[in-house]
Amino acid sequence: MAKRYGASLMKLTHSVPCLFSLMLLFGISINGHAQVQVEVFTDMPMQLGSVLGIDVIHYDLSAPEKVKSKYLPALPGDVGLASQIMKNYLASPQGQEFKAVIREAYRGHEKMVRYQLEKIPAVVFEQGQYVVYGITDVQKALALYNAHRNQRALP
């Protein structure tokens, strides 16, 4: 089960001096870890800030609906006719493209279920082992994650 960090812990980061946050952030590359991967789950498209040495993957959970509205043809009320139109569409090159795009659009939903995420937004570390809920700021989430990891390492 993932470790969860709520809004109360997030408020703590505002009192942490900027230098300390930078030291925590810099600590990842000093410790010789491989490039860190962070996954951010939201329900809208957004630009996420980049962090040196961090591979940030954004999953927009609203993407499948946008893909459906863009690619799927309008269907008549007659179920038999609608079924035939969809069969023909899915067999066409456009239908093949739709299947590939919709599969990719649902990847975030698949990961959300795999990680047992309870709400969004969520920032996920170590393939679901650690989750920071309620923020999309990767640097703040990383500071919380590193503070927790450093606290656990203390004797």
C-alpha atoms as a PDB file:
ATOM      1  CA  MET A   1       0.000   0.000   0.000  1.00  0.00           C
ATOM      2  CA  ALA A   2       1.287   3.427  -0.866  1.00  0.00           C
ATOM      3  CA  LYS A   3       2.421   5.935   1.715  1.00  0.00           C
ATOM      4  CA  ARG A   4       0.098   8.933   1.579  1.00  0.00           C
ATOM      5  CA  TYR A   5       0.818  12.556   2.317  1.00  0.00           C
ATOM      6  CA  GLY A   6      -2.152  14.791   2.929  1.00  0.00           C
ATOM      7  CA  ALA A   7      -2.745  18.513   2.884  1.00  0.00           C
ATOM      8  CA  SER A   8      -1.525  18.936   6.476  1.00  0.00           C
ATOM      9  CA  LEU A   9       1.919  17.637   5.567  1.00  0.00           C
ATOM     10  CA  MET A  10       1.919  19.794   2.456  1.00  0.00           C
ATOM     11  CA  LYS A  11       1.452  22.913   4.593  1.00  0.00           C
ATOM     12  CA  LEU A  12       4.684  21.998   6.364  1.00  0.00           C
ATOM     13  CA  THR A  13       6.658  22.511   3.155  1.00  0.00           C
ATOM     14  CA  HIS A  14       5.848  26.214   3.139  1.00  0.00           C
ATOM     15  CA  SER A  15       7.906  26.625   6.322  1.00  0.00           C
ATOM     16  CA  VAL A  16      10.890  24.683   4.980  1.00  0.00           C
ATOM     17  CA  PRO A  17      13.598  27.081   3.817  1.00  0.00           C
ATOM     18  CA  CYS A  18      14.227  27.135   0.099  1.00  0.00           C
ATOM     19  CA  LEU A  19      17.860  26.137   0.605  1.00  0.00           C
ATOM     20  CA  PHE A  20      16.846  22.991   2.478  1.00  0.00           C
ATOM     21  CA  SER A  21      14.450  22.076  -0.336  1.00  0.00           C
ATOM     22  CA  LEU A  22      17.202  22.546  -2.890  1.00  0.00           C
ATOM     23  CA  MET A  23      19.552  20.392  -0.825  1.00  0.00           C
ATOM     24  CA  LEU A  24      16.938  17.641  -0.719  1.00  0.00           C
ATOM     25  CA  LEU A  25      16.338  17.968  -4.421  1.00  0.00           C
ATOM     26  CA  PHE A  26      20.051  17.942  -5.168  1.00  0.00           C
ATOM     27  CA  GLY A  27      20.508  14.943  -2.864  1.00  0.00           C
ATOM     28  CA  ILE A  28      18.981  12.622  -5.422  1.00  0.00           C
ATOM     29  CA  SER A  29      21.767  13.128  -7.936  1.00  0.00           C
ATOM     30  CA  ILE A  30      24.511  13.129  -5.288  1.00  0.00           C
ATOM     31  CA  ASN A  31      23.390   9.788  -3.886  1.00  0.00           C
ATOM     32  CA  GLY A  32      23.963   8.177  -7.266  1.00  0.00           C
ATOM     33  CA  HIS A  33      20.364   7.129  -7.853  1.00  0.00           C
ATOM     34  CA  ALA A  34      19.249   6.469 -11.383  1.00  0.00           C
ATOM     35  CA  GLN A  35      17.018   9.070 -12.937  1.00  0.00           C
ATOM     36  CA  VAL A  36      13.888   9.412 -10.841  1.00  0.00           C
ATOM     37  CA  GLN A  37      10.527   8.954 -12.507  1.00  0.00           C
ATOM     38  CA  VAL A  38       7.538  10.892 -11.214  1.00  0.00           C
ATOM     39  CA  GLU A  39       3.996  10.344 -12.445  1.00  0.00           C
ATOM     40  CA  VAL A  40       1.425  13.130 -12.090  1.00  0.00           C
ATOM     41  CA  PHE A  41      -2.293  12.348 -12.326  1.00  0.00           C
ATOM     42  CA  THR A  42      -4.788  15.151 -13.041  1.00  0.00           C
ATOM     43  CA  ASP A  43      -8.197  15.546 -14.621  1.00  0.00           C
ATOM     44  CA  MET A  44      -7.160  18.289 -17.032  1.00  0.00           C
ATOM     45  CA  PRO A  45      -4.351  19.066 -19.444  1.00  0.00           C
ATOM     46  CA  MET A  46      -1.637  21.190 -17.866  1.00  0.00           C
ATOM     47  CA  GLN A  47       1.966  22.215 -18.204  1.00  0.00           C
ATOM     48  CA  LEU A  48       4.066  20.764 -15.424  1.00  0.00           C
ATOM     49  CA  GLY A  49       7.349  22.312 -14.480  1.00  0.00           C
ATOM     50  CA  SER A  50      10.471  20.342 -15.243  1.00  0.00           C
ATOM     51  CA  VAL A  51      13.032  19.321 -12.662  1.00  0.00           C
ATOM     52  CA  LEU A  52      16.600  18.455 -13.617  1.00  0.00           C
ATOM     53  CA  GLY A  53      17.179  14.705 -13.427  1.00  0.00           C
ATOM     54  CA  ILE A  54      13.477  13.907 -13.041  1.00  0.00           C
ATOM     55  CA  ASP A  55      11.446  12.168 -15.722  1.00  0.00           C
ATOM     56  CA  VAL A  56       7.939  13.636 -15.261  1.00  0.00           C
ATOM     57  CA  ILE A  57       5.047  11.756 -16.861  1.00  0.00           C
ATOM     58  CA  HIS A  58       1.642  13.456 -16.870  1.00  0.00           C
ATOM     59  CA  TYR A  59      -1.588  11.470 -17.114  1.00  0.00           C
ATOM     60  CA  ASP A  60      -4.613  13.596 -18.020  1.00  0.00           C
ATOM     61  CA  LEU A  61      -7.542  11.443 -16.937  1.00  0.00           C
ATOM     62  CA  SER A  62      -9.941  13.531 -19.042  1.00  0.00           C
ATOM     63  CA  ALA A  63      -8.126  12.503 -22.241  1.00  0.00           C
ATOM     64  CA  PRO A  64     -10.361   9.529 -23.197  1.00  0.00           C
ATOM     65  CA  GLU A  65     -13.474  11.709 -23.475  1.00  0.00           C
ATOM     66  CA  LYS A  66     -11.617  14.191 -25.657  1.00  0.00           C
ATOM     67  CA  VAL A  67     -10.368  11.389 -27.899  1.00  0.00           C
ATOM     68  CA  LYS A  68     -13.869   9.944 -28.238  1.00  0.00           C
ATOM     69  CA  SER A  69     -15.385  13.290 -29.177  1.00  0.00           C
ATOM     70  CA  LYS A  70     -12.626  13.926 -31.717  1.00  0.00           C
ATOM     71  CA  TYR A  71     -12.523  10.519 -33.419  1.00  0.00           C
ATOM     72  CA  LEU A  72     -15.890   8.787 -33.111  1.00  0.00           C
ATOM     73  CA  PRO A  73     -18.517   9.322 -35.801  1.00  0.00           C
ATOM     74  CA  ALA A  74     -22.019  10.539 -34.976  1.00  0.00           C
ATOM     75  CA  LEU A  75     -24.350   7.563 -34.714  1.00  0.00           C
ATOM     76  CA  PRO A  76     -28.037   7.260 -35.575  1.00  0.00           C
ATOM     77  CA  GLY A  77     -30.647   6.169 -33.031  1.00  0.00           C
ATOM     78  CA  ASP A  78     -31.179   2.840 -34.811  1.00  0.00           C
ATOM     79  CA  VAL A  79     -29.046   0.318 -32.890  1.00  0.00           C
ATOM     80  CA  GLY A  80     -28.573  -2.025 -35.849  1.00  0.00           C
ATOM     81  CA  LEU A  81     -27.456   0.758 -38.165  1.00  0.00           C
ATOM     82  CA  ALA A  82     -25.213   2.295 -35.472  1.00  0.00           C
ATOM     83  CA  SER A  83     -23.612  -1.105 -34.872  1.00  0.00           C
ATOM     84  CA  GLN A  84     -22.857  -1.527 -38.579  1.00  0.00           C
ATOM     85  CA  ILE A  85     -21.402   2.003 -38.820  1.00  0.00           C
ATOM     86  CA  MET A  86     -19.104   1.288 -35.840  1.00  0.00           C
ATOM     87  CA  LYS A  87     -17.947  -2.062 -37.249  1.00  0.00           C
ATOM     88  CA  ASN A  88     -17.051  -0.389 -40.538  1.00  0.00           C
ATOM     89  CA  TYR A  89     -15.400   2.535 -38.761  1.00  0.00           C
ATOM     90  CA  LEU A  90     -13.249   0.341 -36.490  1.00  0.00           C
ATOM     91  CA  ALA A  91     -12.082  -1.685 -39.502  1.00  0.00           C
ATOM     92  CA  SER A  92     -11.042   1.476 -41.373  1.00  0.00           C
ATOM     93  CA  PRO A  93      -7.628   3.195 -41.096  1.00  0.00           C
ATOM     94  CA  GLN A  94      -9.276   5.969 -39.032  1.00  0.00           C
ATOM     95  CA  GLY A  95     -10.740   3.340 -36.718  1.00  0.00           C
ATOM     96  CA  GLN A  96      -7.337   1.713 -36.312  1.00  0.00           C
ATOM     97  CA  GLU A  97      -5.865   5.095 -35.422  1.00  0.00           C
ATOM     98  CA  PHE A  98      -8.702   5.662 -32.934  1.00  0.00           C
ATOM     99  CA  LYS A  99      -7.969   2.329 -31.213  1.00  0.00           C
ATOM    100  CA  ALA A 100      -4.299   3.217 -30.781  1.00  0.00           C
ATOM    101  CA  VAL A 101      -5.049   6.724 -29.508  1.00  0.00           C
ATOM    102  CA  ILE A 102      -7.791   5.624 -27.092  1.00  0.00           C
ATOM    103  CA  ARG A 103      -5.554   2.863 -25.705  1.00  0.00           C
ATOM    104  CA  GLU A 104      -2.901   5.477 -24.924  1.00  0.00           C
ATOM    105  CA  ALA A 105      -5.518   7.857 -23.477  1.00  0.00           C
ATOM    106  CA  TYR A 106      -6.634   5.203 -20.964  1.00  0.00           C
ATOM    107  CA  ARG A 107      -3.073   4.433 -19.799  1.00  0.00           C
ATOM    108  CA  GLY A 108      -3.462   6.880 -16.898  1.00  0.00           C
ATOM    109  CA  HIS A 109      -6.662   5.168 -15.763  1.00  0.00           C
ATOM    110  CA  GLU A 110      -4.895   1.806 -15.863  1.00  0.00           C
ATOM    111  CA  LYS A 111      -2.030   3.099 -13.722  1.00  0.00           C
ATOM    112  CA  MET A 112      -4.413   4.845 -11.328  1.00  0.00           C
ATOM    113  CA  VAL A 113      -6.136   1.514 -10.652  1.00  0.00           C
ATOM    114  CA  ARG A 114      -2.811  -0.342 -10.380  1.00  0.00           C
ATOM    115  CA  TYR A 115      -1.502   2.189  -7.847  1.00  0.00           C
ATOM    116  CA  GLN A 116      -4.842   2.226  -5.986  1.00  0.00           C
ATOM    117  CA  LEU A 117      -4.961   6.013  -6.057  1.00  0.00           C
ATOM    118  CA  GLU A 118      -7.818   7.394  -4.004  1.00  0.00           C
ATOM    119  CA  LYS A 119      -8.120  10.863  -5.527  1.00  0.00           C
ATOM    120  CA  ILE A 120      -6.524  13.325  -7.885  1.00  0.00           C
ATOM    121  CA  PRO A 121      -4.411  15.297  -8.292  1.00  0.00           C
ATOM    122  CA  ALA A 122      -1.714  12.897  -7.208  1.00  0.00           C
ATOM    123  CA  VAL A 123       2.057  12.784  -7.639  1.00  0.00           C
ATOM    124  CA  VAL A 124       3.416   9.234  -7.568  1.00  0.00           C
ATOM    125  CA  PHE A 125       6.951   8.077  -6.750  1.00  0.00           C
ATOM    126  CA  GLU A 126       8.582   4.643  -6.981  1.00  0.00           C
ATOM    127  CA  GLN A 127       5.830   3.106  -9.099  1.00  0.00           C
ATOM    128  CA  GLY A 128       3.073   3.725  -6.588  1.00  0.00           C
ATOM    129  CA  GLN A 129       4.992   3.155  -3.356  1.00  0.00           C
ATOM    130  CA  TYR A 130       4.724   6.825  -2.343  1.00  0.00           C
ATOM    131  CA  VAL A 131       1.915   9.225  -3.234  1.00  0.00           C
ATOM    132  CA  VAL A 132       1.464  12.931  -2.550  1.00  0.00           C
ATOM    133  CA  TYR A 133      -2.186  13.953  -2.915  1.00  0.00           C
ATOM    134  CA  GLY A 134      -3.637  17.379  -3.532  1.00  0.00           C
ATOM    135  CA  ILE A 135      -0.840  19.083  -5.474  1.00  0.00           C
ATOM    136  CA  THR A 136       0.622  19.012  -8.970  1.00  0.00           C
ATOM    137  CA  ASP A 137       3.802  20.938  -8.187  1.00  0.00           C
ATOM    138  CA  VAL A 138       6.496  18.325  -8.774  1.00  0.00           C
ATOM    139  CA  GLN A 139       9.142  20.248  -6.809  1.00  0.00           C
ATOM    140  CA  LYS A 140       6.926  20.505  -3.713  1.00  0.00           C
ATOM    141  CA  ALA A 141       5.947  16.852  -3.979  1.00  0.00           C
ATOM    142  CA  LEU A 142       9.601  15.894  -4.391  1.00  0.00           C
ATOM    143  CA  ALA A 143      10.543  17.891  -1.289  1.00  0.00           C
ATOM    144  CA  LEU A 144       7.866  16.041   0.732  1.00  0.00           C
ATOM    145  CA  TYR A 145       8.998  12.700  -0.641  1.00  0.00           C
ATOM    146  CA  ASN A 146      12.680  13.398   0.075  1.00  0.00           C
ATOM    147  CA  ALA A 147      11.925  14.700   3.574  1.00  0.00           C
ATOM    148  CA  HIS A 148      10.058  11.490   4.326  1.00  0.00           C
ATOM    149  CA  ARG A 149      12.836   9.309   2.894  1.00  0.00           C
ATOM    150  CA  ASN A 150      15.522  11.234   4.824  1.00  0.00           C
ATOM    151  CA  GLN A 151      13.485  11.008   8.031  1.00  0.00           C
ATOM    152  CA  ARG A 152      13.194   7.235   7.625  1.00  0.00           C
ATOM    153  CA  ALA A 153      16.962   6.972   7.098  1.00  0.00           C
ATOM    154  CA  LEU A 154      17.737   8.642  10.449  1.00  0.00           C
ATOM    155  CA  PRO A 155      18.612   6.267  13.325  1.00  0.00           C
END
